[in-house]
Amino acid sequence: MSDFDTIIRGGTVATASDTFQCDVGISGAKIAALGSDLGYAAEIVDAKGKLVLPGGIDSHVHFSQPMAPGIVMADDFASGTRAAAFGGNTLVLPFALQQKGESLREVVKQYHAKADGRCYVDVSFHLIITDTSERVLGQELPALVGDGYTSFKVFMTYEGMALSDLELLNVMAVARETGALVMVHAENFDAIRFLTDRLERAGKTAPQYHATSRPIPVEREATHRAIALAELVDVPVMIVHVSNREAMEEIRRAQIRGLKVYGETCPQYLVLTEKDMQGLNMEGAKYVCSPPPRDEASQQACWEGIQQGVFSLFSSDHCPFRYDDPQGKAFPKGRTSFRWVPNGIPGVDTRLQILFSEGVGKGRITLNEFVAFTSTNHAKTYGLYPKKGTIAVGSDADIVIWDPQQERTISQKLLHGACDYTPYEGFKVKGWPVSTMVRGKFVVRDEKLVGKPGDGVYVSRGKSSFAVSRTR
């Protein structure tokens, strides 16, 4: 009789705190033993020369999200989680978007219907709050937090989504009362509208002017204001997709003062710049996201934010739209300005490779920090640890086998989502996920899809521990 269902043998195991030679024994969905000479298993997986890492957790992705008329998001839960699995991720956290007038409880039901039976990796949901009615804040939101939806996002920009300061305070008050975590998209809506109107009147409507309409002060001011409002209510906040030094420094100052303010950054702010939006014709639309990529100095600032622990999360903000599609990035009929380009770029399948190659491979961060920023800190921040986010006895067997020597040039033809382009086309990386295991079962093995829709399940969450790993 076998001692385990699977033994991953001969690899180098890395967690957020340790790196060691170790075999991993798996029984059912759980890690059952770590050590050498573990005995027999129904299946032995040879990981010699490979890294054995906790599966990536991408806590900022968008799938099947309703958009403005004429715009359709590229990835549903099947294609999005398939791409995530090939990218070395074992759990993703998409957003359940409430639109004005909708019941928050009904929105959650709708997203479960979209996801159930279609996912290749595990999922859990954040909520997006756009309607702050008494029913939502007084009844639905507290009840949903109690049911395991312990984080929600608020917007300071976008028509129909931006909340006033009073609305933000009211949402934050519910978070404080329930122990939930507030995620904030920090950009000043009125400033963006003011700049957009002026640019359009001047005939500056090409995709490159998207960045001009959302300069650094727009993000810095909103970041400062979000932190001030959170301080008034005494509630923790996560400032998401930070793109530049000035916003990063606002977070750092808050942390120095002892406030529970956390930061997240993304691949686009490490390797893209606003110059990418200057492509001929509509090519620049491929890089339109908010906040926009900045400049090389901002890239360096974001690396500093990672290295110095100002940021605790590295997420993709995967928000995919097809390019060569009238319902995607190209200007829809009758809409002739950057204002109408859907905001968002794909990236769930390339996040880990970019950070590993540019971070670990170039000595900017350690392997343990890589694990923390891409998995463990996400699990701790969003109430999943130690079930997820680490390799330890009793944790879920969510594992990625990683080849640190494999060199690739990122290309859309290598990827597995429903988008028709990658903004990282031609970007060279060293380090690539080979196999992805979710709860003891391979979904991707030797870079081939072996799982099926339904292998991933919904995961309810506890409350944030806020005990994020800081290894420097």
Protein backbone atom coordinates (compact mmCIF):
# COMPACT_ATOMS: atom_id res chain seq x y z
CA MET A 1 0.00 0.00 0.00
CA SER A 2 1.24 3.48 -0.85
CA ASP A 3 2.08 5.89 1.94
CA PHE A 4 0.94 8.85 -0.19
CA ASP A 5 -1.01 9.53 -3.35
CA THR A 6 1.86 11.60 -4.77
CA ILE A 7 5.43 12.39 -3.83
CA ILE A 8 7.19 15.31 -5.51
CA ARG A 9 10.80 14.23 -5.26
CA GLY A 10 14.18 15.88 -5.69
CA GLY A 11 13.15 19.51 -5.96
CA THR A 12 14.14 22.62 -4.04
CA VAL A 13 11.21 23.78 -1.91
CA ALA A 14 10.89 27.51 -1.26
CA THR A 15 8.44 29.30 1.00
CA ALA A 16 8.25 32.94 2.05
CA SER A 17 10.77 32.25 4.82
CA ASP A 18 12.87 29.21 3.91
CA THR A 19 14.55 27.35 1.04
CA PHE A 20 15.49 23.68 1.44
CA GLN A 21 15.94 20.38 -0.36
CA CYS A 22 12.87 18.36 0.47
CA ASP A 23 10.38 15.86 -0.93
CA VAL A 24 6.69 16.66 -0.64
CA GLY A 25 4.22 13.91 0.26
CA ILE A 26 0.61 14.51 -0.76
CA SER A 27 -2.47 12.64 0.41
CA GLY A 28 -5.77 13.65 -1.12
CA ALA A 29 -5.93 17.42 -1.36
CA LYS A 30 -3.40 18.12 1.40
CA ILE A 31 0.33 18.20 1.97
CA ALA A 32 0.87 15.30 4.34
CA ALA A 33 4.65 15.22 4.85
CA LEU A 34 7.88 17.07 4.10
CA GLY A 35 11.21 15.28 4.26
CA SER A 36 13.42 12.70 2.64
CA ASP A 37 12.83 8.96 2.22
CA LEU A 38 9.09 9.44 2.46
CA GLY A 39 8.38 5.91 1.31
CA TYR A 40 6.03 4.95 -1.46
CA ALA A 41 3.39 6.75 -3.44
CA ALA A 42 0.98 5.89 -6.17
CA GLU A 43 2.83 8.46 -8.28
CA ILE A 44 6.35 9.83 -8.04
CA VAL A 45 6.97 13.22 -9.67
CA ASP A 46 10.59 13.98 -10.51
CA ALA A 47 11.36 17.64 -9.71
CA LYS A 48 15.15 17.40 -9.87
CA GLY A 49 16.63 20.72 -10.95
CA LYS A 50 13.30 22.46 -10.40
CA LEU A 51 11.83 24.71 -7.73
CA VAL A 52 8.77 23.52 -5.84
CA LEU A 53 6.80 26.62 -4.84
CA PRO A 54 3.41 27.47 -3.36
CA GLY A 55 1.01 28.05 -6.23
CA GLY A 56 0.65 31.67 -7.21
CA ILE A 57 -2.31 33.60 -5.82
CA ASP A 58 -3.39 36.47 -8.04
CA SER A 59 -5.67 38.56 -5.86
CA HIS A 60 -6.57 41.16 -8.48
CA VAL A 61 -8.20 39.82 -11.65
CA HIS A 62 -11.35 40.61 -13.64
CA PHE A 63 -13.38 37.91 -15.42
CA SER A 64 -16.83 38.08 -17.04
CA GLN A 65 -17.35 41.61 -15.77
CA PRO A 66 -20.23 43.64 -17.25
CA MET A 67 -19.03 46.58 -19.32
CA ALA A 68 -20.48 49.58 -21.13
CA PRO A 69 -22.70 48.82 -24.15
CA GLY A 70 -20.67 47.54 -27.07
CA ILE A 71 -17.73 46.38 -24.92
CA VAL A 72 -17.16 42.74 -23.91
CA MET A 73 -14.47 41.44 -21.56
CA ALA A 74 -12.36 38.77 -23.25
CA ASP A 75 -12.02 36.18 -20.49
CA ASP A 76 -14.78 34.27 -18.78
CA PHE A 77 -14.06 32.02 -15.80
CA ALA A 78 -13.07 29.05 -17.97
CA SER A 79 -10.54 30.85 -20.17
CA GLY A 80 -9.31 33.12 -17.38
CA THR A 81 -8.60 30.33 -14.90
CA ARG A 82 -7.03 28.21 -17.67
CA ALA A 83 -4.63 31.06 -18.37
CA ALA A 84 -4.00 31.42 -14.64
CA ALA A 85 -3.10 27.74 -14.33
CA PHE A 86 -0.59 27.90 -17.20
CA GLY A 87 0.89 30.97 -15.49
CA GLY A 88 1.58 28.99 -12.31
CA ASN A 89 -1.41 30.23 -10.30
CA THR A 90 -3.60 27.97 -8.17
CA LEU A 91 -6.10 30.54 -6.90
CA VAL A 92 -7.42 33.83 -8.23
CA LEU A 93 -9.67 36.48 -6.70
CA PRO A 94 -11.95 38.10 -9.29
CA PHE A 95 -14.36 40.93 -8.49
CA ALA A 96 -18.13 40.64 -8.26
CA LEU A 97 -19.19 44.03 -9.62
CA GLN A 98 -22.33 45.62 -8.25
CA GLN A 99 -23.89 48.18 -10.59
CA LYS A 100 -26.07 51.04 -9.40
CA GLY A 101 -29.41 49.83 -8.08
CA GLU A 102 -28.44 46.16 -7.92
CA SER A 103 -28.77 43.92 -4.89
CA LEU A 104 -25.29 42.98 -3.72
CA ARG A 105 -26.52 39.54 -2.70
CA GLU A 106 -27.99 38.98 -6.17
CA VAL A 107 -24.73 40.06 -7.81
CA VAL A 108 -22.83 37.46 -5.79
CA LYS A 109 -25.29 34.79 -6.92
CA GLN A 110 -24.78 35.83 -10.53
CA TYR A 111 -21.00 35.53 -10.24
CA HIS A 112 -21.25 32.11 -8.66
CA ALA A 113 -23.42 31.04 -11.59
CA LYS A 114 -20.75 32.33 -14.00
CA ALA A 115 -17.97 30.47 -12.18
CA ASP A 116 -19.47 27.22 -10.90
CA GLY A 117 -18.20 24.19 -12.79
CA ARG A 118 -16.08 26.28 -15.16
CA CYS A 119 -12.87 26.95 -13.25
CA TYR A 120 -9.51 25.21 -13.65
CA VAL A 121 -8.07 26.75 -10.46
CA ASP A 122 -9.69 27.79 -7.20
CA VAL A 123 -11.46 31.13 -6.93
CA SER A 124 -12.74 33.49 -4.27
CA PHE A 125 -14.55 36.78 -4.78
CA HIS A 126 -13.96 40.36 -3.77
CA LEU A 127 -16.99 42.65 -3.94
CA ILE A 128 -17.13 45.99 -5.78
CA ILE A 129 -19.41 48.50 -4.07
CA THR A 130 -20.95 51.17 -6.29
CA ASP A 131 -24.36 51.56 -4.59
CA THR A 132 -24.19 52.65 -0.96
CA SER A 133 -27.89 52.45 -0.15
CA GLU A 134 -29.06 51.78 3.38
CA ARG A 135 -30.08 48.26 2.37
CA VAL A 136 -26.64 47.48 0.94
CA LEU A 137 -24.57 48.94 3.77
CA GLY A 138 -26.93 48.10 6.60
CA GLN A 139 -27.96 44.58 5.63
CA GLU A 140 -26.39 42.97 2.60
CA LEU A 141 -22.74 43.92 3.02
CA PRO A 142 -22.42 42.93 6.71
CA ALA A 143 -24.15 39.62 6.00
CA LEU A 144 -21.87 38.87 3.06
CA VAL A 145 -18.75 39.61 5.12
CA GLY A 146 -20.07 37.10 7.64
CA ASP A 147 -20.42 34.59 4.81
CA GLY A 148 -16.74 34.87 3.87
CA TYR A 149 -16.67 37.75 1.37
CA THR A 150 -14.24 39.65 3.56
CA SER A 151 -12.85 42.24 1.15
CA PHE A 152 -14.42 44.81 -1.09
CA LYS A 153 -13.22 47.40 -3.55
CA VAL A 154 -14.26 51.02 -3.95
CA PHE A 155 -13.51 53.37 -6.82
CA MET A 156 -12.57 57.04 -6.73
CA THR A 157 -12.99 57.30 -10.53
CA TYR A 158 -15.09 56.00 -13.47
CA GLU A 159 -18.58 57.15 -14.41
CA GLY A 160 -21.20 55.28 -12.42
CA MET A 161 -18.62 53.77 -10.07
CA ALA A 162 -16.84 56.66 -8.33
CA LEU A 163 -17.96 57.17 -4.74
CA SER A 164 -18.05 60.55 -3.00
CA ASP A 165 -15.98 61.06 0.13
CA LEU A 166 -19.12 60.61 2.24
CA GLU A 167 -19.92 57.35 0.49
CA LEU A 168 -16.35 56.16 0.95
CA LEU A 169 -16.54 56.93 4.67
CA ASN A 170 -19.80 55.03 4.99
CA VAL A 171 -18.35 51.97 3.27
CA MET A 172 -15.22 52.16 5.41
CA ALA A 173 -17.39 52.33 8.53
CA VAL A 174 -19.00 49.01 7.58
CA ALA A 175 -15.55 47.52 7.03
CA ARG A 176 -14.48 48.63 10.49
CA GLU A 177 -17.60 47.17 12.09
CA THR A 178 -17.27 43.83 10.31
CA GLY A 179 -13.48 43.42 10.15
CA ALA A 180 -13.37 43.52 6.35
CA LEU A 181 -10.57 44.95 4.21
CA VAL A 182 -11.20 47.89 1.87
CA MET A 183 -9.37 47.98 -1.48
CA VAL A 184 -9.16 51.40 -3.12
CA HIS A 185 -8.70 52.40 -6.76
CA ALA A 186 -7.18 55.82 -6.11
CA GLU A 187 -7.53 58.33 -8.96
CA ASN A 188 -9.29 61.71 -8.84
CA PHE A 189 -12.40 61.44 -11.06
CA ASP A 190 -13.04 65.15 -11.45
CA ALA A 191 -9.42 65.88 -12.35
CA ILE A 192 -9.50 63.17 -15.01
CA ARG A 193 -12.73 64.56 -16.50
CA PHE A 194 -11.29 68.07 -16.52
CA LEU A 195 -8.11 66.97 -18.32
CA THR A 196 -9.95 64.66 -20.73
CA ASP A 197 -12.31 67.43 -21.82
CA ARG A 198 -9.41 69.81 -22.47
CA LEU A 199 -7.46 67.20 -24.44
CA GLU A 200 -10.45 66.37 -26.63
CA ARG A 201 -11.14 70.02 -27.36
CA ALA A 202 -7.52 70.32 -28.50
CA GLY A 203 -7.96 67.33 -30.83
CA LYS A 204 -5.64 65.13 -28.76
CA THR A 205 -7.67 61.93 -28.88
CA ALA A 206 -5.17 59.15 -29.72
CA PRO A 207 -4.56 56.37 -27.15
CA GLN A 208 -1.32 57.97 -25.97
CA TYR A 209 -3.30 60.82 -24.44
CA HIS A 210 -4.88 58.40 -21.99
CA ALA A 211 -1.70 58.79 -19.92
CA THR A 212 -1.83 62.58 -20.25
CA SER A 213 -5.37 62.57 -18.86
CA ARG A 214 -4.28 60.63 -15.76
CA PRO A 215 -0.94 62.15 -14.64
CA ILE A 216 0.79 61.27 -11.40
CA PRO A 217 -0.84 64.07 -9.31
CA VAL A 218 -4.26 62.53 -10.05
CA GLU A 219 -3.15 59.29 -8.40
CA ARG A 220 -1.12 60.94 -5.65
CA GLU A 221 -3.99 63.17 -4.50
CA ALA A 222 -6.50 60.33 -4.42
CA THR A 223 -4.07 58.08 -2.56
CA HIS A 224 -3.53 60.77 0.07
CA ARG A 225 -7.28 61.34 0.38
CA ALA A 226 -8.08 57.63 0.66
CA ILE A 227 -5.52 57.25 3.44
CA ALA A 228 -6.88 60.30 5.28
CA LEU A 229 -10.44 58.96 5.10
CA ALA A 230 -9.31 55.54 6.33
CA GLU A 231 -7.49 57.21 9.21
CA LEU A 232 -10.67 59.03 10.20
CA VAL A 233 -12.56 55.76 10.40
CA ASP A 234 -9.57 53.78 11.75
CA VAL A 235 -9.86 51.04 9.15
CA PRO A 236 -7.16 49.16 7.18
CA VAL A 237 -6.97 49.85 3.44
CA MET A 238 -5.17 48.34 0.49
CA ILE A 239 -4.21 50.87 -2.21
CA VAL A 240 -4.23 48.80 -5.39
CA HIS A 241 -2.18 49.02 -8.62
CA VAL A 242 0.21 51.78 -7.48
CA SER A 243 2.20 53.11 -10.43
CA ASN A 244 4.66 55.76 -9.23
CA ARG A 245 6.90 57.16 -6.49
CA GLU A 246 4.59 59.91 -5.25
CA ALA A 247 1.69 57.55 -4.53
CA MET A 248 4.11 54.99 -3.07
CA GLU A 249 5.55 57.62 -0.75
CA GLU A 250 2.05 58.50 0.51
CA ILE A 251 1.67 54.85 1.54
CA ARG A 252 5.12 54.77 3.10
CA ARG A 253 4.42 57.87 5.21
CA ALA A 254 1.18 56.33 6.44
CA GLN A 255 2.99 53.12 7.39
CA ILE A 256 5.67 55.07 9.25
CA ARG A 257 2.90 56.72 11.26
CA GLY A 258 1.62 53.28 12.23
CA LEU A 259 -1.48 53.24 10.02
CA LYS A 260 -2.68 49.96 8.54
CA VAL A 261 -2.19 51.02 4.96
CA TYR A 262 -0.99 48.48 2.42
CA GLY A 263 0.09 48.71 -1.19
CA GLU A 264 -0.05 46.62 -4.33
CA THR A 265 1.77 47.03 -7.62
CA CYS A 266 1.64 45.18 -10.94
CA PRO A 267 3.88 44.02 -13.82
CA GLN A 268 2.88 46.88 -16.11
CA TYR A 269 4.44 49.36 -13.71
CA LEU A 270 7.76 47.50 -13.70
CA VAL A 271 8.31 46.88 -17.41
CA LEU A 272 5.99 49.09 -19.49
CA THR A 273 6.01 52.87 -19.94
CA GLU A 274 3.63 55.47 -21.32
CA LYS A 275 5.67 55.43 -24.54
CA ASP A 276 4.08 52.06 -25.32
CA MET A 277 0.80 53.88 -25.89
CA GLN A 278 2.33 55.82 -28.78
CA GLY A 279 1.96 52.99 -31.30
CA LEU A 280 0.77 53.72 -34.82
CA ASN A 281 -2.95 53.87 -35.48
CA MET A 282 -4.68 52.14 -32.57
CA GLU A 283 -1.76 49.92 -31.47
CA GLY A 284 -1.29 52.08 -28.39
CA ALA A 285 -4.72 51.00 -27.14
CA LYS A 286 -3.19 47.62 -26.25
CA TYR A 287 -1.45 49.31 -23.31
CA VAL A 288 -4.33 51.43 -22.00
CA CYS A 289 -4.97 50.69 -18.33
CA SER A 290 -5.58 52.79 -15.24
CA PRO A 291 -3.44 54.06 -13.71
CA PRO A 292 -1.36 54.11 -16.90
CA PRO A 293 2.25 52.95 -17.13
CA ARG A 294 4.54 55.88 -16.33
CA ASP A 295 8.25 56.31 -17.03
CA GLU A 296 11.51 54.60 -16.09
CA ALA A 297 11.86 56.63 -12.89
CA SER A 298 8.44 55.39 -11.81
CA GLN A 299 9.47 51.82 -12.61
CA GLN A 300 12.46 52.24 -10.29
CA ALA A 301 10.20 53.65 -7.58
CA CYS A 302 7.90 50.64 -7.81
CA TRP A 303 10.87 48.30 -7.47
CA GLU A 304 11.89 50.25 -4.37
CA GLY A 305 8.37 49.85 -3.03
CA ILE A 306 8.72 46.09 -3.42
CA GLN A 307 12.25 45.89 -2.03
CA GLN A 308 11.50 48.06 0.99
CA GLY A 309 8.21 46.39 1.89
CA VAL A 310 6.00 49.39 1.16
CA PHE A 311 4.13 47.09 -1.21
CA SER A 312 3.13 43.71 0.09
CA LEU A 313 1.31 42.38 -2.98
CA PHE A 314 2.25 41.88 -6.60
CA SER A 315 -0.87 41.27 -8.69
CA SER A 316 -1.64 41.28 -12.40
CA ASP A 317 -4.80 43.42 -12.46
CA HIS A 318 -5.74 41.11 -15.34
CA CYS A 319 -8.51 42.99 -17.15
CA PRO A 320 -8.59 41.56 -20.68
CA PHE A 321 -10.13 42.96 -23.85
CA ARG A 322 -9.49 41.74 -27.36
CA TYR A 323 -7.66 44.15 -29.64
CA ASP A 324 -8.81 43.11 -33.10
CA ASP A 325 -12.47 43.15 -32.16
CA PRO A 326 -15.13 45.89 -32.46
CA GLN A 327 -16.22 45.01 -28.90
CA GLY A 328 -12.69 45.40 -27.60
CA LYS A 329 -9.80 47.84 -27.67
CA ALA A 330 -10.42 49.32 -31.11
CA PHE A 331 -12.64 52.39 -31.01
CA PRO A 332 -16.28 51.27 -31.15
CA LYS A 333 -18.31 52.81 -33.98
CA GLY A 334 -18.99 56.49 -33.38
CA ARG A 335 -16.50 56.74 -30.50
CA THR A 336 -13.32 58.44 -31.59
CA SER A 337 -11.33 59.27 -28.45
CA PHE A 338 -9.06 57.52 -25.96
CA ARG A 339 -11.93 58.17 -23.52
CA TRP A 340 -13.72 55.13 -24.99
CA VAL A 341 -10.86 52.64 -24.97
CA PRO A 342 -11.65 49.94 -22.37
CA ASN A 343 -9.26 50.32 -19.46
CA GLY A 344 -7.31 47.16 -18.74
CA ILE A 345 -4.72 44.73 -20.04
CA PRO A 346 -4.22 40.95 -19.73
CA GLY A 347 -1.50 39.52 -17.49
CA VAL A 348 -2.62 36.64 -15.23
CA ASP A 349 -0.53 34.21 -17.29
CA THR A 350 2.70 36.25 -17.30
CA ARG A 351 2.79 37.86 -13.83
CA LEU A 352 5.01 35.26 -12.17
CA GLN A 353 7.48 34.97 -15.03
CA ILE A 354 8.06 38.73 -15.18
CA LEU A 355 8.68 39.13 -11.45
CA PHE A 356 10.86 36.03 -11.23
CA SER A 357 13.01 37.03 -14.20
CA GLU A 358 13.27 40.74 -13.44
CA GLY A 359 13.28 40.33 -9.66
CA VAL A 360 14.97 37.08 -8.60
CA GLY A 361 16.97 36.65 -11.79
CA LYS A 362 18.45 40.14 -11.63
CA GLY A 363 19.06 40.18 -7.88
CA ARG A 364 16.42 42.75 -6.99
CA ILE A 365 14.56 40.38 -4.66
CA THR A 366 15.22 36.97 -3.13
CA LEU A 367 13.42 33.76 -4.03
CA ASN A 368 11.65 33.88 -0.66
CA GLU A 369 10.46 37.41 -1.32
CA PHE A 370 9.17 36.26 -4.70
CA VAL A 371 7.05 33.63 -2.95
CA ALA A 372 5.80 36.20 -0.45
CA PHE A 373 4.83 38.81 -3.04
CA THR A 374 3.12 36.35 -5.38
CA SER A 375 1.47 33.89 -2.98
CA THR A 376 1.94 34.00 0.80
CA ASN A 377 1.14 37.67 1.37
CA HIS A 378 -2.00 37.35 -0.75
CA ALA A 379 -3.16 34.44 1.40
CA LYS A 380 -2.47 36.34 4.61
CA THR A 381 -3.99 39.59 3.40
CA TYR A 382 -7.23 38.01 2.21
CA GLY A 383 -7.95 35.45 4.92
CA LEU A 384 -6.67 32.28 3.21
CA TYR A 385 -3.53 31.46 5.20
CA PRO A 386 -2.30 28.80 6.03
CA LYS A 387 -4.80 26.80 3.97
CA LYS A 388 -3.33 28.54 0.93
CA GLY A 389 -0.09 30.33 0.17
CA THR A 390 2.55 28.03 1.65
CA ILE A 391 4.05 24.56 1.53
CA ALA A 392 3.45 23.10 4.97
CA VAL A 393 1.91 19.96 6.43
CA GLY A 394 -1.86 20.40 6.51
CA SER A 395 -1.95 23.11 3.83
CA ASP A 396 -3.70 22.52 0.53
CA ALA A 397 -1.43 20.88 -2.02
CA ASP A 398 -1.41 23.95 -4.28
CA ILE A 399 1.99 23.70 -5.91
CA VAL A 400 3.81 25.00 -8.97
CA ILE A 401 6.89 23.22 -10.26
CA TRP A 402 9.15 25.93 -11.66
CA ASP A 403 12.09 25.69 -14.04
CA PRO A 404 14.44 28.53 -13.03
CA GLN A 405 16.70 28.03 -16.06
CA GLN A 406 14.14 27.96 -18.84
CA GLU A 407 14.43 30.99 -21.10
CA ARG A 408 11.42 32.15 -23.09
CA THR A 409 10.29 35.11 -25.11
CA ILE A 410 6.73 35.97 -24.13
CA SER A 411 4.38 35.72 -27.07
CA GLN A 412 0.63 35.49 -27.44
CA LYS A 413 1.04 32.13 -29.17
CA LEU A 414 2.42 30.69 -25.91
CA LEU A 415 -0.52 31.86 -23.81
CA HIS A 416 -3.89 30.32 -23.06
CA GLY A 417 -6.50 32.98 -22.35
CA ALA A 418 -9.15 34.37 -24.69
CA CYS A 419 -7.36 37.65 -25.38
CA ASP A 420 -5.80 38.06 -28.84
CA TYR A 421 -2.64 39.86 -27.71
CA THR A 422 -0.26 40.31 -24.80
CA PRO A 423 1.21 43.70 -23.89
CA TYR A 424 4.43 41.85 -23.07
CA GLU A 425 4.96 40.48 -26.61
CA GLY A 426 8.68 39.99 -27.23
CA PHE A 427 9.67 40.38 -23.57
CA LYS A 428 12.44 37.92 -22.66
CA VAL A 429 12.28 36.08 -19.36
CA LYS A 430 14.26 33.39 -17.56
CA GLY A 431 12.17 31.11 -15.35
CA TRP A 432 8.92 29.43 -16.33
CA PRO A 433 6.16 27.38 -14.64
CA VAL A 434 6.23 23.77 -15.83
CA SER A 435 3.41 22.14 -13.86
CA THR A 436 0.57 23.44 -11.71
CA MET A 437 -1.17 21.34 -9.06
CA VAL A 438 -4.42 22.41 -7.37
CA ARG A 439 -5.36 20.58 -4.17
CA GLY A 440 -3.24 17.54 -5.05
CA LYS A 441 -4.32 17.26 -8.69
CA PHE A 442 -2.33 18.42 -11.69
CA VAL A 443 -4.18 20.91 -13.86
CA VAL A 444 -1.14 21.67 -16.02
CA ARG A 445 1.61 19.06 -16.28
CA ASP A 446 4.77 19.49 -18.29
CA GLU A 447 3.15 22.54 -19.92
CA LYS A 448 0.14 20.55 -21.12
CA LEU A 449 -3.43 20.97 -19.93
CA VAL A 450 -4.49 17.86 -18.05
CA GLY A 451 -7.24 19.35 -15.88
CA LYS A 452 -10.80 20.20 -16.73
CA PRO A 453 -13.36 22.87 -15.94
CA GLY A 454 -14.65 22.23 -12.44
CA ASP A 455 -11.27 21.21 -11.01
CA GLY A 456 -11.22 24.65 -9.40
CA VAL A 457 -13.75 25.43 -6.69
CA TYR A 458 -14.96 28.45 -4.77
CA VAL A 459 -13.09 29.07 -1.50
CA SER A 460 -14.68 30.97 1.40
CA ARG A 461 -12.31 33.23 3.31
CA GLY A 462 -11.66 34.38 6.83
CA LYS A 463 -10.57 37.86 7.80
CA SER A 464 -7.19 39.35 6.99
CA SER A 465 -4.35 38.57 9.33
CA PHE A 466 -2.39 41.67 8.16
CA ALA A 467 0.70 39.70 9.12
CA VAL A 468 2.30 40.04 5.72
CA SER A 469 5.76 38.61 5.21
CA ARG A 470 8.60 41.11 5.27
CA THR A 471 11.91 39.44 4.67
CA ARG A 472 14.13 42.51 4.65
